Amino acid sequence: MAQPASNHSVDLETETPVARQARLEWERARLNEAYDDIANGRVLSGDDALRWLENELAEAEAALAREPE
């Protein structure tokens, strides 16, 4: 499953250097995954892409529902 985006907004005024570095590393890793997928022909479009996205959203919602408050 793809890594979901953070639900937390980034406040660039208060983000610490350590937090910024971690966020940028996470973002870089997601971009590298996407570049690798594209380079290897793992690209969806149209109805296939919509079905994949719906499945990803359902999995993410299920995972959130299982988390304790």
N, C-alpha and C. Protein backbone atom coordinates (compact mmCIF):
# COMPACT_ATOMS: atom_id res chain seq x y z
N MET A 1 0.84 -1.18 0.00
CA MET A 1 0.00 0.00 0.00
C MET A 1 0.88 1.23 0.00
N ALA A 2 0.46 2.25 -0.69
CA ALA A 2 1.20 3.51 -0.72
C ALA A 2 1.17 4.14 0.67
N GLN A 3 2.19 4.89 0.97
CA GLN A 3 2.23 5.59 2.25
C GLN A 3 1.28 6.78 2.20
N PRO A 4 0.35 6.87 3.16
CA PRO A 4 -0.59 7.99 3.13
C PRO A 4 0.08 9.30 3.50
N ALA A 5 -0.47 10.36 3.00
CA ALA A 5 0.02 11.69 3.36
C ALA A 5 -0.36 11.99 4.80
N SER A 6 0.42 12.80 5.43
CA SER A 6 0.15 13.20 6.80
C SER A 6 -1.13 14.03 6.85
N ASN A 7 -1.90 13.85 7.90
CA ASN A 7 -3.10 14.66 8.11
C ASN A 7 -2.77 15.96 8.82
N HIS A 8 -1.52 16.13 9.19
CA HIS A 8 -1.11 17.31 9.93
C HIS A 8 -0.54 18.35 8.97
N SER A 9 -1.06 19.56 9.09
CA SER A 9 -0.50 20.61 8.25
C SER A 9 0.86 21.02 8.80
N VAL A 10 1.68 21.56 7.95
CA VAL A 10 3.02 21.98 8.33
C VAL A 10 3.01 23.48 8.57
N ASP A 11 3.42 23.89 9.75
CA ASP A 11 3.57 25.31 10.06
C ASP A 11 5.04 25.64 9.88
N LEU A 12 5.37 26.23 8.75
CA LEU A 12 6.77 26.51 8.44
C LEU A 12 7.40 27.50 9.41
N GLU A 13 6.59 28.26 10.11
CA GLU A 13 7.12 29.22 11.08
C GLU A 13 7.62 28.52 12.35
N THR A 14 7.01 27.39 12.71
CA THR A 14 7.37 26.73 13.97
C THR A 14 8.01 25.36 13.77
N GLU A 15 8.09 24.89 12.53
CA GLU A 15 8.69 23.58 12.27
C GLU A 15 10.16 23.61 12.65
N THR A 16 10.57 22.64 13.45
CA THR A 16 11.97 22.59 13.88
C THR A 16 12.84 22.07 12.73
N PRO A 17 14.14 22.36 12.77
CA PRO A 17 15.02 21.83 11.73
C PRO A 17 14.99 20.31 11.65
N VAL A 18 14.90 19.64 12.79
CA VAL A 18 14.86 18.17 12.79
C VAL A 18 13.55 17.69 12.15
N ALA A 19 12.45 18.31 12.50
CA ALA A 19 11.15 17.93 11.93
C ALA A 19 11.13 18.22 10.43
N ARG A 20 11.71 19.34 10.04
CA ARG A 20 11.75 19.69 8.62
C ARG A 20 12.56 18.66 7.84
N GLN A 21 13.70 18.28 8.37
CA GLN A 21 14.54 17.28 7.72
C GLN A 21 13.81 15.96 7.56
N ALA A 22 13.12 15.55 8.63
CA ALA A 22 12.36 14.29 8.57
C ALA A 22 11.24 14.38 7.54
N ARG A 23 10.54 15.51 7.50
CA ARG A 23 9.46 15.69 6.53
C ARG A 23 10.00 15.66 5.12
N LEU A 24 11.09 16.35 4.87
CA LEU A 24 11.66 16.39 3.53
C LEU A 24 12.17 15.02 3.10
N GLU A 25 12.75 14.26 4.01
CA GLU A 25 13.20 12.90 3.70
C GLU A 25 12.01 12.02 3.34
N TRP A 26 10.91 12.15 4.10
CA TRP A 26 9.71 11.38 3.81
C TRP A 26 9.18 11.75 2.42
N GLU A 27 9.12 13.05 2.12
CA GLU A 27 8.63 13.50 0.83
C GLU A 27 9.54 13.01 -0.31
N ARG A 28 10.86 13.08 -0.09
CA ARG A 28 11.81 12.59 -1.10
C ARG A 28 11.61 11.11 -1.38
N ALA A 29 11.40 10.34 -0.34
CA ALA A 29 11.19 8.90 -0.50
C ALA A 29 9.92 8.63 -1.31
N ARG A 30 8.85 9.38 -1.06
CA ARG A 30 7.62 9.20 -1.83
C ARG A 30 7.84 9.57 -3.30
N LEU A 31 8.57 10.64 -3.55
CA LEU A 31 8.87 11.03 -4.94
C LEU A 31 9.71 9.97 -5.63
N ASN A 32 10.72 9.44 -4.93
CA ASN A 32 11.56 8.40 -5.52
C ASN A 32 10.76 7.15 -5.84
N GLU A 33 9.81 6.80 -4.98
CA GLU A 33 8.92 5.66 -5.27
C GLU A 33 8.13 5.92 -6.56
N ALA A 34 7.61 7.13 -6.69
CA ALA A 34 6.82 7.47 -7.88
C ALA A 34 7.69 7.43 -9.13
N TYR A 35 8.88 7.99 -9.06
CA TYR A 35 9.78 7.98 -10.23
C TYR A 35 10.12 6.55 -10.63
N ASP A 36 10.34 5.68 -9.63
CA ASP A 36 10.65 4.29 -9.91
C ASP A 36 9.46 3.59 -10.56
N ASP A 37 8.27 3.85 -10.04
CA ASP A 37 7.07 3.25 -10.62
C ASP A 37 6.91 3.67 -12.08
N ILE A 38 7.08 4.95 -12.36
CA ILE A 38 6.93 5.45 -13.73
C ILE A 38 7.98 4.83 -14.64
N ALA A 39 9.22 4.79 -14.17
CA ALA A 39 10.31 4.25 -14.98
C ALA A 39 10.09 2.77 -15.30
N ASN A 40 9.40 2.06 -14.42
CA ASN A 40 9.16 0.63 -14.61
C ASN A 40 7.77 0.33 -15.17
N GLY A 41 7.11 1.36 -15.69
CA GLY A 41 5.83 1.15 -16.34
C GLY A 41 4.66 0.87 -15.43
N ARG A 42 4.82 1.14 -14.15
CA ARG A 42 3.72 0.91 -13.20
C ARG A 42 2.89 2.19 -13.10
N VAL A 43 2.08 2.38 -14.14
CA VAL A 43 1.27 3.60 -14.23
C VAL A 43 -0.16 3.19 -14.56
N LEU A 44 -1.11 3.77 -13.86
CA LEU A 44 -2.52 3.51 -14.12
C LEU A 44 -3.18 4.78 -14.63
N SER A 45 -4.26 4.59 -15.38
CA SER A 45 -5.03 5.75 -15.82
C SER A 45 -6.50 5.38 -15.90
N GLY A 46 -7.33 6.37 -16.02
CA GLY A 46 -8.76 6.15 -16.20
C GLY A 46 -9.40 5.38 -15.06
N ASP A 47 -10.29 4.46 -15.44
CA ASP A 47 -11.04 3.69 -14.45
C ASP A 47 -10.13 2.84 -13.57
N ASP A 48 -9.05 2.33 -14.12
CA ASP A 48 -8.11 1.55 -13.31
C ASP A 48 -7.53 2.40 -12.18
N ALA A 49 -7.19 3.63 -12.49
CA ALA A 49 -6.63 4.53 -11.48
C ALA A 49 -7.68 4.85 -10.42
N LEU A 50 -8.90 5.08 -10.83
CA LEU A 50 -9.95 5.38 -9.87
C LEU A 50 -10.23 4.20 -8.95
N ARG A 51 -10.24 2.98 -9.48
CA ARG A 51 -10.43 1.79 -8.65
C ARG A 51 -9.29 1.64 -7.64
N TRP A 52 -8.05 1.85 -8.10
CA TRP A 52 -6.90 1.76 -7.21
C TRP A 52 -7.03 2.79 -6.08
N LEU A 53 -7.37 4.02 -6.45
CA LEU A 53 -7.48 5.08 -5.45
C LEU A 53 -8.58 4.77 -4.44
N GLU A 54 -9.71 4.29 -4.90
CA GLU A 54 -10.79 3.93 -3.99
C GLU A 54 -10.34 2.84 -3.02
N ASN A 55 -9.58 1.86 -3.50
CA ASN A 55 -9.07 0.80 -2.65
C ASN A 55 -8.08 1.35 -1.62
N GLU A 56 -7.20 2.24 -2.06
CA GLU A 56 -6.22 2.84 -1.13
C GLU A 56 -6.93 3.62 -0.04
N LEU A 57 -7.94 4.39 -0.42
CA LEU A 57 -8.69 5.17 0.57
C LEU A 57 -9.41 4.26 1.56
N ALA A 58 -10.01 3.19 1.06
CA ALA A 58 -10.71 2.25 1.95
C ALA A 58 -9.73 1.61 2.92
N GLU A 59 -8.55 1.22 2.45
CA GLU A 59 -7.54 0.63 3.33
C GLU A 59 -7.07 1.63 4.38
N ALA A 60 -6.87 2.87 3.98
CA ALA A 60 -6.41 3.89 4.93
C ALA A 60 -7.49 4.18 5.97
N GLU A 61 -8.73 4.27 5.55
CA GLU A 61 -9.82 4.50 6.49
C GLU A 61 -9.95 3.34 7.47
N ALA A 62 -9.81 2.11 6.98
CA ALA A 62 -9.88 0.94 7.86
C ALA A 62 -8.74 0.95 8.88
N ALA A 63 -7.55 1.33 8.43
CA ALA A 63 -6.39 1.39 9.34
C ALA A 63 -6.63 2.46 10.42
N LEU A 64 -7.17 3.59 10.03
CA LEU A 64 -7.45 4.65 11.01
C LEU A 64 -8.52 4.21 12.00
N ALA A 65 -9.51 3.48 11.53
CA ALA A 65 -10.57 3.01 12.42
C ALA A 65 -10.05 2.03 13.45
N ARG A 66 -8.98 1.30 13.13
CA ARG A 66 -8.41 0.33 14.07
C ARG A 66 -7.52 0.98 15.12
N GLU A 67 -7.10 2.24 14.88
CA GLU A 67 -6.19 2.90 15.82
C GLU A 67 -6.95 3.34 17.07
N PRO A 68 -6.31 3.19 18.23
CA PRO A 68 -6.95 3.68 19.46
C PRO A 68 -7.02 5.20 19.45
N GLU A 69 -7.98 5.72 20.14
CA GLU A 69 -8.16 7.18 20.22
C GLU A 69 -7.00 7.87 20.85
